Amino acid sequence: MGKAEGRGKEWHGHVTAITVAPAYRRIGLAERMMQLLETVSDKTQGYFVDLFVRVSNSVAIKMYKKFGYTVYRRVLGYYYSSGDNEEDAFDMRKPLSRDVERQSIVSNGESRKVRPEDL
């Protein structure tokens, strides 16, 4: 699932959720779904596509990096579960063709820390 959101140079595609059943993993379905959202976001003049992923989800982070995404910032306590357990998220982005100057990405985004209310 994905959506378009934002204004001005923040107009972008957002990955709300992506999941592939275990029996169908490792055959390229996630990559094709991501490419479809990227294509639609590019055609609607988005500047980038973004997503949030738990910092502990190293498998997903590796996959998104393989797809060309980089960490834009670390969102402190983004994921909250019962029992006061909080977990940070990486806000990962991939620039699209409209972002010629690549302003939607930064280097060393892991060290750029924000709170969820700052988003």
N, C-alpha and C. Protein backbone atom coordinates (compact mmCIF):
# COMPACT_ATOMS: atom_id res chain seq x y z
N MET A 1 0.84 -1.17 0.00
CA MET A 1 0.00 0.00 0.00
C MET A 1 0.89 1.23 0.00
N GLY A 2 0.46 2.21 -0.71
CA GLY A 2 1.20 3.45 -0.75
C GLY A 2 0.26 4.61 -0.98
N LYS A 3 0.80 5.81 -0.87
CA LYS A 3 0.00 7.00 -1.08
C LYS A 3 0.90 8.14 -1.51
N ALA A 4 0.28 9.21 -1.96
CA ALA A 4 1.00 10.44 -2.28
C ALA A 4 0.61 11.47 -1.23
N GLU A 5 1.60 12.26 -0.79
CA GLU A 5 1.33 13.26 0.24
C GLU A 5 2.38 14.36 0.19
N GLY A 6 2.13 15.44 0.93
CA GLY A 6 3.08 16.55 1.03
C GLY A 6 2.71 17.71 0.14
N ARG A 7 3.53 18.75 0.22
CA ARG A 7 3.34 19.96 -0.59
C ARG A 7 4.69 20.44 -1.09
N GLY A 8 4.69 21.10 -2.21
CA GLY A 8 5.92 21.68 -2.74
C GLY A 8 7.00 20.63 -2.93
N LYS A 9 8.19 20.91 -2.44
CA LYS A 9 9.30 19.97 -2.58
C LYS A 9 9.18 18.78 -1.65
N GLU A 10 8.14 18.76 -0.83
CA GLU A 10 7.85 17.61 0.02
C GLU A 10 6.79 16.69 -0.59
N TRP A 11 6.32 16.98 -1.82
CA TRP A 11 5.36 16.12 -2.51
C TRP A 11 6.08 14.81 -2.83
N HIS A 12 5.52 13.70 -2.34
CA HIS A 12 6.23 12.43 -2.49
C HIS A 12 5.29 11.24 -2.37
N GLY A 13 5.81 10.10 -2.76
CA GLY A 13 5.12 8.83 -2.55
C GLY A 13 5.56 8.27 -1.20
N HIS A 14 4.65 7.62 -0.52
CA HIS A 14 4.96 7.05 0.79
C HIS A 14 4.54 5.58 0.82
N VAL A 15 5.45 4.73 1.23
CA VAL A 15 5.15 3.31 1.40
C VAL A 15 4.49 3.15 2.76
N THR A 16 3.21 2.84 2.75
CA THR A 16 2.48 2.64 4.00
C THR A 16 2.76 1.25 4.55
N ALA A 17 2.72 0.26 3.68
CA ALA A 17 3.01 -1.12 4.09
C ALA A 17 3.34 -1.95 2.86
N ILE A 18 4.25 -2.87 3.05
CA ILE A 18 4.56 -3.84 2.00
C ILE A 18 4.83 -5.17 2.69
N THR A 19 4.20 -6.20 2.19
CA THR A 19 4.40 -7.52 2.78
C THR A 19 4.25 -8.58 1.70
N VAL A 20 5.04 -9.61 1.84
CA VAL A 20 5.00 -10.74 0.92
C VAL A 20 4.92 -12.00 1.78
N ALA A 21 3.99 -12.87 1.46
CA ALA A 21 3.85 -14.12 2.20
C ALA A 21 5.16 -14.91 2.14
N PRO A 22 5.52 -15.58 3.23
CA PRO A 22 6.79 -16.32 3.26
C PRO A 22 7.02 -17.25 2.08
N ALA A 23 5.99 -17.89 1.62
CA ALA A 23 6.14 -18.84 0.50
C ALA A 23 6.51 -18.15 -0.81
N TYR A 24 6.32 -16.82 -0.88
CA TYR A 24 6.58 -16.10 -2.13
C TYR A 24 7.72 -15.09 -2.01
N ARG A 25 8.51 -15.21 -0.95
CA ARG A 25 9.64 -14.30 -0.78
C ARG A 25 10.82 -14.76 -1.62
N ARG A 26 11.71 -13.80 -1.87
CA ARG A 26 12.96 -14.04 -2.61
C ARG A 26 12.75 -14.36 -4.09
N ILE A 27 11.62 -13.90 -4.63
CA ILE A 27 11.41 -14.05 -6.08
C ILE A 27 11.17 -12.70 -6.75
N GLY A 28 11.43 -11.61 -6.00
CA GLY A 28 11.36 -10.27 -6.59
C GLY A 28 10.04 -9.56 -6.48
N LEU A 29 9.07 -10.10 -5.75
CA LEU A 29 7.77 -9.44 -5.66
C LEU A 29 7.85 -8.10 -4.93
N ALA A 30 8.57 -8.04 -3.82
CA ALA A 30 8.69 -6.77 -3.08
C ALA A 30 9.35 -5.71 -3.96
N GLU A 31 10.38 -6.09 -4.68
CA GLU A 31 11.05 -5.13 -5.56
C GLU A 31 10.12 -4.62 -6.64
N ARG A 32 9.33 -5.50 -7.22
CA ARG A 32 8.39 -5.07 -8.26
C ARG A 32 7.30 -4.16 -7.71
N MET A 33 6.82 -4.45 -6.49
CA MET A 33 5.81 -3.58 -5.88
C MET A 33 6.40 -2.21 -5.58
N MET A 34 7.63 -2.19 -5.09
CA MET A 34 8.30 -0.91 -4.81
C MET A 34 8.52 -0.13 -6.11
N GLN A 35 8.93 -0.81 -7.16
CA GLN A 35 9.15 -0.15 -8.44
C GLN A 35 7.85 0.45 -8.98
N LEU A 36 6.75 -0.24 -8.78
CA LEU A 36 5.46 0.28 -9.23
C LEU A 36 5.11 1.57 -8.49
N LEU A 37 5.28 1.59 -7.18
CA LEU A 37 5.00 2.81 -6.42
C LEU A 37 5.94 3.93 -6.83
N GLU A 38 7.19 3.60 -7.07
CA GLU A 38 8.16 4.62 -7.51
C GLU A 38 7.77 5.18 -8.88
N THR A 39 7.35 4.33 -9.79
CA THR A 39 6.93 4.77 -11.12
C THR A 39 5.72 5.69 -11.04
N VAL A 40 4.72 5.30 -10.26
CA VAL A 40 3.51 6.13 -10.10
C VAL A 40 3.88 7.45 -9.43
N SER A 41 4.72 7.40 -8.41
CA SER A 41 5.14 8.63 -7.72
C SER A 41 5.91 9.55 -8.66
N ASP A 42 6.73 8.98 -9.52
CA ASP A 42 7.48 9.78 -10.49
C ASP A 42 6.53 10.42 -11.50
N LYS A 43 5.55 9.67 -11.96
CA LYS A 43 4.59 10.19 -12.95
C LYS A 43 3.69 11.27 -12.37
N THR A 44 3.50 11.26 -11.05
CA THR A 44 2.69 12.30 -10.41
C THR A 44 3.56 13.44 -9.90
N GLN A 45 4.80 13.49 -10.41
CA GLN A 45 5.74 14.59 -10.13
C GLN A 45 6.21 14.65 -8.68
N GLY A 46 6.30 13.48 -8.04
CA GLY A 46 6.86 13.43 -6.69
C GLY A 46 8.36 13.67 -6.72
N TYR A 47 8.88 14.16 -5.62
CA TYR A 47 10.32 14.39 -5.51
C TYR A 47 11.06 13.16 -4.99
N PHE A 48 10.37 12.33 -4.20
CA PHE A 48 11.00 11.15 -3.62
C PHE A 48 9.93 10.17 -3.16
N VAL A 49 10.37 8.99 -2.79
CA VAL A 49 9.51 8.00 -2.12
C VAL A 49 10.15 7.76 -0.77
N ASP A 50 9.31 7.68 0.27
CA ASP A 50 9.86 7.40 1.60
C ASP A 50 9.10 6.28 2.28
N LEU A 51 9.70 5.80 3.36
CA LEU A 51 9.11 4.73 4.17
C LEU A 51 9.75 4.78 5.54
N PHE A 52 9.10 4.16 6.50
CA PHE A 52 9.65 4.04 7.85
C PHE A 52 9.87 2.56 8.13
N VAL A 53 11.01 2.26 8.76
CA VAL A 53 11.36 0.88 9.08
C VAL A 53 12.01 0.85 10.45
N ARG A 54 11.68 -0.18 11.22
CA ARG A 54 12.29 -0.32 12.56
C ARG A 54 13.81 -0.44 12.42
N VAL A 55 14.55 0.24 13.30
CA VAL A 55 16.01 0.18 13.22
C VAL A 55 16.53 -1.23 13.48
N SER A 56 15.74 -2.05 14.16
CA SER A 56 16.16 -3.44 14.43
C SER A 56 15.92 -4.37 13.25
N ASN A 57 15.19 -3.91 12.23
CA ASN A 57 14.85 -4.76 11.09
C ASN A 57 15.95 -4.71 10.04
N SER A 58 17.07 -5.33 10.36
CA SER A 58 18.24 -5.26 9.48
C SER A 58 17.99 -5.90 8.11
N VAL A 59 17.15 -6.92 8.06
CA VAL A 59 16.85 -7.57 6.78
C VAL A 59 16.14 -6.58 5.84
N ALA A 60 15.13 -5.88 6.36
CA ALA A 60 14.40 -4.92 5.54
C ALA A 60 15.29 -3.74 5.16
N ILE A 61 16.09 -3.25 6.09
CA ILE A 61 16.98 -2.12 5.79
C ILE A 61 17.93 -2.49 4.67
N LYS A 62 18.49 -3.68 4.74
CA LYS A 62 19.39 -4.14 3.68
C LYS A 62 18.67 -4.21 2.34
N MET A 63 17.43 -4.71 2.35
CA MET A 63 16.65 -4.81 1.12
C MET A 63 16.38 -3.41 0.54
N TYR A 64 15.94 -2.47 1.39
CA TYR A 64 15.65 -1.13 0.89
C TYR A 64 16.90 -0.44 0.36
N LYS A 65 18.03 -0.64 1.02
CA LYS A 65 19.28 -0.07 0.52
C LYS A 65 19.62 -0.66 -0.85
N LYS A 66 19.37 -1.95 -1.02
CA LYS A 66 19.59 -2.59 -2.31
C LYS A 66 18.71 -1.95 -3.39
N PHE A 67 17.52 -1.50 -3.00
CA PHE A 67 16.60 -0.84 -3.94
C PHE A 67 16.94 0.62 -4.18
N GLY A 68 17.96 1.15 -3.49
CA GLY A 68 18.40 2.53 -3.70
C GLY A 68 17.96 3.53 -2.66
N TYR A 69 17.40 3.07 -1.54
CA TYR A 69 16.96 3.95 -0.47
C TYR A 69 18.11 4.23 0.48
N THR A 70 18.11 5.43 1.07
CA THR A 70 19.10 5.80 2.07
C THR A 70 18.36 6.33 3.30
N VAL A 71 19.05 6.31 4.42
CA VAL A 71 18.46 6.83 5.66
C VAL A 71 18.49 8.36 5.62
N TYR A 72 17.32 8.96 5.78
CA TYR A 72 17.20 10.42 5.81
C TYR A 72 17.31 10.94 7.25
N ARG A 73 16.70 10.20 8.19
CA ARG A 73 16.76 10.58 9.60
C ARG A 73 16.30 9.42 10.47
N ARG A 74 16.62 9.52 11.75
CA ARG A 74 16.20 8.53 12.73
C ARG A 74 15.09 9.16 13.57
N VAL A 75 13.95 8.51 13.62
CA VAL A 75 12.80 9.03 14.36
C VAL A 75 12.75 8.29 15.70
N LEU A 76 13.02 9.02 16.77
CA LEU A 76 13.11 8.43 18.10
C LEU A 76 11.73 8.00 18.60
N GLY A 77 11.62 6.76 19.06
CA GLY A 77 10.37 6.27 19.62
C GLY A 77 9.20 6.24 18.66
N TYR A 78 9.46 6.10 17.37
CA TYR A 78 8.39 6.12 16.36
C TYR A 78 7.42 4.96 16.54
N TYR A 79 7.95 3.79 16.83
CA TYR A 79 7.10 2.62 17.04
C TYR A 79 6.88 2.45 18.54
N TYR A 80 5.63 2.31 18.91
CA TYR A 80 5.27 2.18 20.31
C TYR A 80 4.39 0.95 20.46
N SER A 81 4.70 0.14 21.44
CA SER A 81 3.86 -1.02 21.73
C SER A 81 3.51 -1.02 23.20
N SER A 82 2.62 -1.88 23.59
CA SER A 82 2.19 -1.93 24.99
C SER A 82 3.38 -2.23 25.90
N GLY A 83 3.29 -1.80 27.14
CA GLY A 83 4.36 -2.02 28.08
C GLY A 83 5.47 -1.00 28.00
N ASP A 84 5.17 0.17 27.43
CA ASP A 84 6.15 1.25 27.32
C ASP A 84 7.38 0.87 26.49
N ASN A 85 7.25 -0.05 25.58
CA ASN A 85 8.36 -0.40 24.71
C ASN A 85 8.32 0.49 23.47
N GLU A 86 9.34 1.29 23.32
CA GLU A 86 9.46 2.15 22.14
C GLU A 86 10.63 1.67 21.30
N GLU A 87 10.50 1.88 20.01
CA GLU A 87 11.62 1.57 19.11
C GLU A 87 11.74 2.68 18.09
N ASP A 88 12.96 3.04 17.77
CA ASP A 88 13.22 4.06 16.76
C ASP A 88 12.96 3.51 15.37
N ALA A 89 12.75 4.44 14.46
CA ALA A 89 12.57 4.08 13.05
C ALA A 89 13.56 4.87 12.21
N PHE A 90 13.96 4.29 11.10
CA PHE A 90 14.68 5.03 10.08
C PHE A 90 13.65 5.51 9.07
N ASP A 91 13.71 6.79 8.74
CA ASP A 91 12.95 7.37 7.64
C ASP A 91 13.88 7.23 6.45
N MET A 92 13.53 6.34 5.52
CA MET A 92 14.37 6.08 4.36
C MET A 92 13.74 6.70 3.12
N ARG A 93 14.59 7.22 2.25
CA ARG A 93 14.11 7.90 1.05
C ARG A 93 14.90 7.48 -0.19
N LYS A 94 14.19 7.60 -1.30
CA LYS A 94 14.81 7.41 -2.61
C LYS A 94 14.37 8.58 -3.48
N PRO A 95 15.31 9.35 -4.01
CA PRO A 95 14.93 10.49 -4.85
C PRO A 95 14.38 10.03 -6.20
N LEU A 96 13.47 10.83 -6.73
CA LEU A 96 12.90 10.56 -8.05
C LEU A 96 13.46 11.56 -9.07
N SER A 97 13.07 11.41 -10.30
CA SER A 97 13.68 12.22 -11.37
C SER A 97 13.44 13.71 -11.21
N ARG A 98 12.36 14.11 -10.56
CA ARG A 98 12.08 15.53 -10.37
C ARG A 98 13.09 16.19 -9.42
N ASP A 99 13.67 15.41 -8.53
CA ASP A 99 14.64 15.93 -7.58
C ASP A 99 16.04 15.90 -8.21
N VAL A 100 16.22 16.74 -9.20
CA VAL A 100 17.47 16.78 -9.97
C VAL A 100 18.67 17.07 -9.06
N GLU A 101 18.51 17.94 -8.10
CA GLU A 101 19.61 18.33 -7.21
C GLU A 101 19.74 17.41 -6.00
N ARG A 102 18.92 16.38 -5.92
CA ARG A 102 18.96 15.39 -4.83
C ARG A 102 18.85 16.05 -3.45
N GLN A 103 17.94 17.01 -3.33
CA GLN A 103 17.72 17.71 -2.07
C GLN A 103 16.94 16.87 -1.06
N SER A 104 16.29 15.81 -1.52
CA SER A 104 15.47 15.00 -0.63
C SER A 104 16.28 13.96 0.14
N ILE A 105 17.58 13.90 -0.11
CA ILE A 105 18.41 12.94 0.61
C ILE A 105 19.58 13.66 1.28
N VAL A 106 20.15 13.00 2.28
CA VAL A 106 21.28 13.56 3.02
C VAL A 106 22.29 12.44 3.26
N SER A 107 23.49 12.84 3.60
CA SER A 107 24.47 11.83 4.01
C SER A 107 24.42 11.70 5.53
N ASN A 108 24.73 10.52 6.03
CA ASN A 108 24.77 10.25 7.47
C ASN A 108 23.44 10.53 8.16
N GLY A 109 22.34 10.14 7.52
CA GLY A 109 21.02 10.36 8.08
C GLY A 109 20.77 9.65 9.40
N GLU A 110 21.51 8.59 9.65
CA GLU A 110 21.34 7.86 10.91
C GLU A 110 21.58 8.76 12.12
N SER A 111 22.40 9.79 11.97
CA SER A 111 22.72 10.69 13.08
C SER A 111 21.77 11.89 13.18
N ARG A 112 20.87 12.04 12.23
CA ARG A 112 19.88 13.13 12.27
C ARG A 112 18.67 12.64 13.05
N LYS A 113 18.58 12.99 14.31
CA LYS A 113 17.53 12.46 15.19
C LYS A 113 16.41 13.47 15.38
N VAL A 114 15.17 12.99 15.24
CA VAL A 114 13.98 13.82 15.46
C VAL A 114 12.96 13.02 16.26
N ARG A 115 12.00 13.72 16.83
CA ARG A 115 10.89 13.08 17.54
C ARG A 115 9.71 12.94 16.56
N PRO A 116 8.82 11.99 16.80
CA PRO A 116 7.67 11.82 15.91
C PRO A 116 6.84 13.09 15.74
N GLU A 117 6.70 13.87 16.80
CA GLU A 117 5.89 15.10 16.69
C GLU A 117 6.54 16.16 15.81
N ASP A 118 7.82 15.97 15.46
CA ASP A 118 8.52 16.91 14.58
C ASP A 118 8.32 16.60 13.11
N LEU A 119 7.68 15.48 12.81
CA LEU A 119 7.50 15.08 11.41
C LEU A 119 6.42 15.91 10.75
